[in-house]
Amino acid sequence: KAVTADAGVPDSIAAALAQVSDEM
């Protein structure tokens, strides 16, 4: 699964990994 995120932006990386947990 591809998820776009910017590791240097806390809200971006946190939201992306939360999405991974929710969907996978």
PDB file of all heavy atoms in Angstrom:
ATOM      1  N   LYS A   1       0.846  -1.187   0.000  1.00  0.00           N
ATOM      2  CA  LYS A   1       0.000   0.000   0.000  1.00  0.00           C
ATOM      3  C   LYS A   1       0.880   1.235   0.000  1.00  0.00           C
ATOM      4  O   LYS A   1       1.806   1.339   0.809  1.00  0.00           O
ATOM      5  CB  LYS A   1      -0.917   0.018   1.224  1.00  0.00           C
ATOM      6  CG  LYS A   1      -1.853   1.226   1.288  1.00  0.00           C
ATOM      7  CD  LYS A   1      -2.789   1.134   2.463  1.00  0.00           C
ATOM      8  CE  LYS A   1      -3.773   2.305   2.466  1.00  0.00           C
ATOM      9  NZ  LYS A   1      -4.635   2.316   1.264  1.00  0.00           N
ATOM     10  N   ALA A   2       0.609   2.172  -0.882  1.00  0.00           N
ATOM     11  CA  ALA A   2       1.355   3.415  -0.968  1.00  0.00           C
ATOM     12  C   ALA A   2       0.614   4.506  -0.214  1.00  0.00           C
ATOM     13  O   ALA A   2      -0.595   4.692  -0.404  1.00  0.00           O
ATOM     14  CB  ALA A   2       1.534   3.824  -2.435  1.00  0.00           C
ATOM     15  N   VAL A   3       1.329   5.211   0.649  1.00  0.00           N
ATOM     16  CA  VAL A   3       0.739   6.303   1.427  1.00  0.00           C
ATOM     17  C   VAL A   3       1.686   7.490   1.354  1.00  0.00           C
ATOM     18  O   VAL A   3       2.842   7.393   1.763  1.00  0.00           O
ATOM     19  CB  VAL A   3       0.525   5.897   2.904  1.00  0.00           C
ATOM     20  CG1 VAL A   3      -0.142   7.036   3.667  1.00  0.00           C
ATOM     21  CG2 VAL A   3      -0.310   4.628   3.012  1.00  0.00           C
ATOM     22  N   THR A   4       1.217   8.610   0.854  1.00  0.00           N
ATOM     23  CA  THR A   4       2.065   9.790   0.777  1.00  0.00           C
ATOM     24  C   THR A   4       2.178  10.442   2.157  1.00  0.00           C
ATOM     25  O   THR A   4       1.202  10.554   2.891  1.00  0.00           O
ATOM     26  CB  THR A   4       1.523  10.809  -0.234  1.00  0.00           C
ATOM     27  OG1 THR A   4       0.178  11.138   0.102  1.00  0.00           O
ATOM     28  CG2 THR A   4       1.567  10.238  -1.640  1.00  0.00           C
ATOM     29  N   ALA A   5       3.373  10.855   2.500  1.00  0.00           N
ATOM     30  CA  ALA A   5       3.617  11.483   3.792  1.00  0.00           C
ATOM     31  C   ALA A   5       4.947  12.205   3.747  1.00  0.00           C
ATOM     32  O   ALA A   5       5.850  11.835   2.993  1.00  0.00           O
ATOM     33  CB  ALA A   5       3.631  10.436   4.901  1.00  0.00           C
ATOM     34  N   ASP A   6       5.064  13.227   4.576  1.00  0.00           N
ATOM     35  CA  ASP A   6       6.315  13.969   4.722  1.00  0.00           C
ATOM     36  C   ASP A   6       6.844  13.685   6.122  1.00  0.00           C
ATOM     37  O   ASP A   6       6.248  14.099   7.120  1.00  0.00           O
ATOM     38  CB  ASP A   6       6.062  15.463   4.539  1.00  0.00           C
ATOM     39  CG  ASP A   6       7.349  16.282   4.502  1.00  0.00           C
ATOM     40  OD1 ASP A   6       8.368  15.818   5.059  1.00  0.00           O
ATOM     41  OD2 ASP A   6       7.328  17.387   3.929  1.00  0.00           O
ATOM     42  N   ALA A   7       7.965  12.973   6.197  1.00  0.00           N
ATOM     43  CA  ALA A   7       8.506  12.573   7.495  1.00  0.00           C
ATOM     44  C   ALA A   7       8.911  13.764   8.351  1.00  0.00           C
ATOM     45  O   ALA A   7       9.006  13.640   9.578  1.00  0.00           O
ATOM     46  CB  ALA A   7       9.707  11.648   7.294  1.00  0.00           C
ATOM     47  N   GLY A   8       9.138  14.908   7.742  1.00  0.00           N
ATOM     48  CA  GLY A   8       9.547  16.083   8.493  1.00  0.00           C
ATOM     49  C   GLY A   8       8.395  16.889   9.058  1.00  0.00           C
ATOM     50  O   GLY A   8       8.612  17.894   9.736  1.00  0.00           O
ATOM     51  N   VAL A   9       7.173  16.455   8.801  1.00  0.00           N
ATOM     52  CA  VAL A   9       5.978  17.150   9.292  1.00  0.00           C
ATOM     53  C   VAL A   9       5.240  16.202  10.233  1.00  0.00           C
ATOM     54  O   VAL A   9       4.660  15.207   9.780  1.00  0.00           O
ATOM     55  CB  VAL A   9       5.059  17.573   8.127  1.00  0.00           C
ATOM     56  CG1 VAL A   9       3.809  18.276   8.648  1.00  0.00           C
ATOM     57  CG2 VAL A   9       5.813  18.476   7.156  1.00  0.00           C
ATOM     58  N   PRO A  10       5.267  16.454  11.528  1.00  0.00           N
ATOM     59  CA  PRO A  10       4.699  15.500  12.493  1.00  0.00           C
ATOM     60  C   PRO A  10       3.274  15.056  12.187  1.00  0.00           C
ATOM     61  O   PRO A  10       2.971  13.856  12.232  1.00  0.00           O
ATOM     62  CB  PRO A  10       4.787  16.276  13.817  1.00  0.00           C
ATOM     63  CG  PRO A  10       5.967  17.163  13.649  1.00  0.00           C
ATOM     64  CD  PRO A  10       5.929  17.592  12.208  1.00  0.00           C
ATOM     65  N   ASP A  11       2.392  15.994  11.873  1.00  0.00           N
ATOM     66  CA  ASP A  11       0.997  15.613  11.606  1.00  0.00           C
ATOM     67  C   ASP A  11       0.894  14.711  10.383  1.00  0.00           C
ATOM     68  O   ASP A  11       0.047  13.808  10.336  1.00  0.00           O
ATOM     69  CB  ASP A  11       0.141  16.862  11.393  1.00  0.00           C
ATOM     70  CG  ASP A  11      -0.105  17.629  12.684  1.00  0.00           C
ATOM     71  OD1 ASP A  11       0.170  17.072  13.767  1.00  0.00           O
ATOM     72  OD2 ASP A  11      -0.574  18.782  12.608  1.00  0.00           O
ATOM     73  N   SER A  12       1.757  14.924   9.400  1.00  0.00           N
ATOM     74  CA  SER A  12       1.719  14.134   8.170  1.00  0.00           C
ATOM     75  C   SER A  12       2.121  12.689   8.428  1.00  0.00           C
ATOM     76  O   SER A  12       1.426  11.757   8.023  1.00  0.00           O
ATOM     77  CB  SER A  12       2.637  14.759   7.114  1.00  0.00           C
ATOM     78  OG  SER A  12       2.688  13.966   5.944  1.00  0.00           O
ATOM     79  N   ILE A  13       3.242  12.493   9.112  1.00  0.00           N
ATOM     80  CA  ILE A  13       3.709  11.125   9.340  1.00  0.00           C
ATOM     81  C   ILE A  13       2.809  10.394  10.321  1.00  0.00           C
ATOM     82  O   ILE A  13       2.536   9.196  10.166  1.00  0.00           O
ATOM     83  CB  ILE A  13       5.190  11.120   9.802  1.00  0.00           C
ATOM     84  CG1 ILE A  13       5.764   9.714   9.783  1.00  0.00           C
ATOM     85  CG2 ILE A  13       5.367  11.743  11.153  1.00  0.00           C
ATOM     86  CD1 ILE A  13       5.874   9.087   8.422  1.00  0.00           C
ATOM     87  N   ALA A  14       2.290  11.089  11.329  1.00  0.00           N
ATOM     88  CA  ALA A  14       1.396  10.451  12.295  1.00  0.00           C
ATOM     89  C   ALA A  14       0.096  10.026  11.623  1.00  0.00           C
ATOM     90  O   ALA A  14      -0.397   8.909  11.845  1.00  0.00           O
ATOM     91  CB  ALA A  14       1.115  11.403  13.456  1.00  0.00           C
ATOM     92  N   ALA A  15      -0.457  10.900  10.783  1.00  0.00           N
ATOM     93  CA  ALA A  15      -1.703  10.570  10.097  1.00  0.00           C
ATOM     94  C   ALA A  15      -1.513   9.413   9.122  1.00  0.00           C
ATOM     95  O   ALA A  15      -2.375   8.531   8.997  1.00  0.00           O
ATOM     96  CB  ALA A  15      -2.227  11.802   9.362  1.00  0.00           C
ATOM     97  N   ALA A  16      -0.380   9.406   8.428  1.00  0.00           N
ATOM     98  CA  ALA A  16      -0.124   8.331   7.460  1.00  0.00           C
ATOM     99  C   ALA A  16      -0.015   6.979   8.153  1.00  0.00           C
ATOM    100  O   ALA A  16      -0.575   5.974   7.683  1.00  0.00           O
ATOM    101  CB  ALA A  16       1.152   8.639   6.688  1.00  0.00           C
ATOM    102  N   LEU A  17       0.701   6.924   9.265  1.00  0.00           N
ATOM    103  CA  LEU A  17       0.853   5.645   9.971  1.00  0.00           C
ATOM    104  C   LEU A  17      -0.444   5.231  10.646  1.00  0.00           C
ATOM    105  O   LEU A  17      -0.743   4.023  10.757  1.00  0.00           O
ATOM    106  CB  LEU A  17       1.988   5.751  10.985  1.00  0.00           C
ATOM    107  CG  LEU A  17       3.386   5.765  10.360  1.00  0.00           C
ATOM    108  CD1 LEU A  17       4.439   6.147  11.393  1.00  0.00           C
ATOM    109  CD2 LEU A  17       3.719   4.405   9.749  1.00  0.00           C
ATOM    110  N   ALA A  18      -1.250   6.191  11.086  1.00  0.00           N
ATOM    111  CA  ALA A  18      -2.571   5.852  11.623  1.00  0.00           C
ATOM    112  C   ALA A  18      -3.449   5.260  10.529  1.00  0.00           C
ATOM    113  O   ALA A  18      -4.210   4.303  10.766  1.00  0.00           O
ATOM    114  CB  ALA A  18      -3.215   7.098  12.224  1.00  0.00           C
ATOM    115  N   GLN A  19      -3.331   5.808   9.323  1.00  0.00           N
ATOM    116  CA  GLN A  19      -4.083   5.261   8.189  1.00  0.00           C
ATOM    117  C   GLN A  19      -3.654   3.832   7.889  1.00  0.00           C
ATOM    118  O   GLN A  19      -4.497   2.960   7.616  1.00  0.00           O
ATOM    119  CB  GLN A  19      -3.869   6.139   6.959  1.00  0.00           C
ATOM    120  CG  GLN A  19      -4.570   5.627   5.699  1.00  0.00           C
ATOM    121  CD  GLN A  19      -4.217   6.439   4.460  1.00  0.00           C
ATOM    122  OE1 GLN A  19      -3.702   7.566   4.554  1.00  0.00           O
ATOM    123  NE2 GLN A  19      -4.475   5.886   3.289  1.00  0.00           N
ATOM    124  N   VAL A  20      -2.360   3.584   7.946  1.00  0.00           N
ATOM    125  CA  VAL A  20      -1.856   2.227   7.718  1.00  0.00           C
ATOM    126  C   VAL A  20      -2.459   1.261   8.728  1.00  0.00           C
ATOM    127  O   VAL A  20      -2.933   0.178   8.376  1.00  0.00           O
ATOM    128  CB  VAL A  20      -0.317   2.209   7.807  1.00  0.00           C
ATOM    129  CG1 VAL A  20       0.196   0.766   7.807  1.00  0.00           C
ATOM    130  CG2 VAL A  20       0.296   2.982   6.653  1.00  0.00           C
ATOM    131  N   SER A  21      -2.458   1.632   9.986  1.00  0.00           N
ATOM    132  CA  SER A  21      -3.002   0.759  11.033  1.00  0.00           C
ATOM    133  C   SER A  21      -4.491   0.520  10.822  1.00  0.00           C
ATOM    134  O   SER A  21      -4.985  -0.603  10.998  1.00  0.00           O
ATOM    135  CB  SER A  21      -2.752   1.377  12.416  1.00  0.00           C
ATOM    136  OG  SER A  21      -1.376   1.449  12.685  1.00  0.00           O
ATOM    137  N   ASP A  22      -5.225   1.579  10.453  1.00  0.00           N
ATOM    138  CA  ASP A  22      -6.671   1.448  10.251  1.00  0.00           C
ATOM    139  C   ASP A  22      -7.008   0.550   9.070  1.00  0.00           C
ATOM    140  O   ASP A  22      -7.953  -0.235   9.117  1.00  0.00           O
ATOM    141  CB  ASP A  22      -7.298   2.832  10.027  1.00  0.00           C
ATOM    142  CG  ASP A  22      -7.309   3.683  11.287  1.00  0.00           C
ATOM    143  OD1 ASP A  22      -7.148   3.112  12.389  1.00  0.00           O
ATOM    144  OD2 ASP A  22      -7.464   4.910  11.164  1.00  0.00           O
ATOM    145  N   GLU A  23      -6.236   0.653   7.995  1.00  0.00           N
ATOM    146  CA  GLU A  23      -6.573  -0.036   6.754  1.00  0.00           C
ATOM    147  C   GLU A  23      -5.870  -1.379   6.578  1.00  0.00           C
ATOM    148  O   GLU A  23      -6.372  -2.246   5.852  1.00  0.00           O
ATOM    149  CB  GLU A  23      -6.249   0.866   5.563  1.00  0.00           C
ATOM    150  CG  GLU A  23      -7.067   2.158   5.558  1.00  0.00           C
ATOM    151  CD  GLU A  23      -6.747   3.061   4.379  1.00  0.00           C
ATOM    152  OE1 GLU A  23      -5.926   2.660   3.524  1.00  0.00           O
ATOM    153  OE2 GLU A  23      -7.319   4.159   4.318  1.00  0.00           O
ATOM    154  N   MET A  24      -4.728  -1.571   7.241  1.00  0.00           N
ATOM    155  CA  MET A  24      -3.973  -2.808   7.056  1.00  0.00           C
ATOM    156  C   MET A  24      -3.829  -3.623   8.336  1.00  0.00           C
ATOM    157  O   MET A  24      -3.600  -4.822   8.286  1.00  0.00           O
ATOM    158  CB  MET A  24      -2.579  -2.494   6.501  1.00  0.00           C
ATOM    159  CG  MET A  24      -2.579  -1.767   5.176  1.00  0.00           C
ATOM    160  SD  MET A  24      -0.892  -1.411   4.570  1.00  0.00           S
ATOM    161  CE  MET A  24      -0.357  -3.044   4.058  1.00  0.00           C
TER     162      MET A  24
END
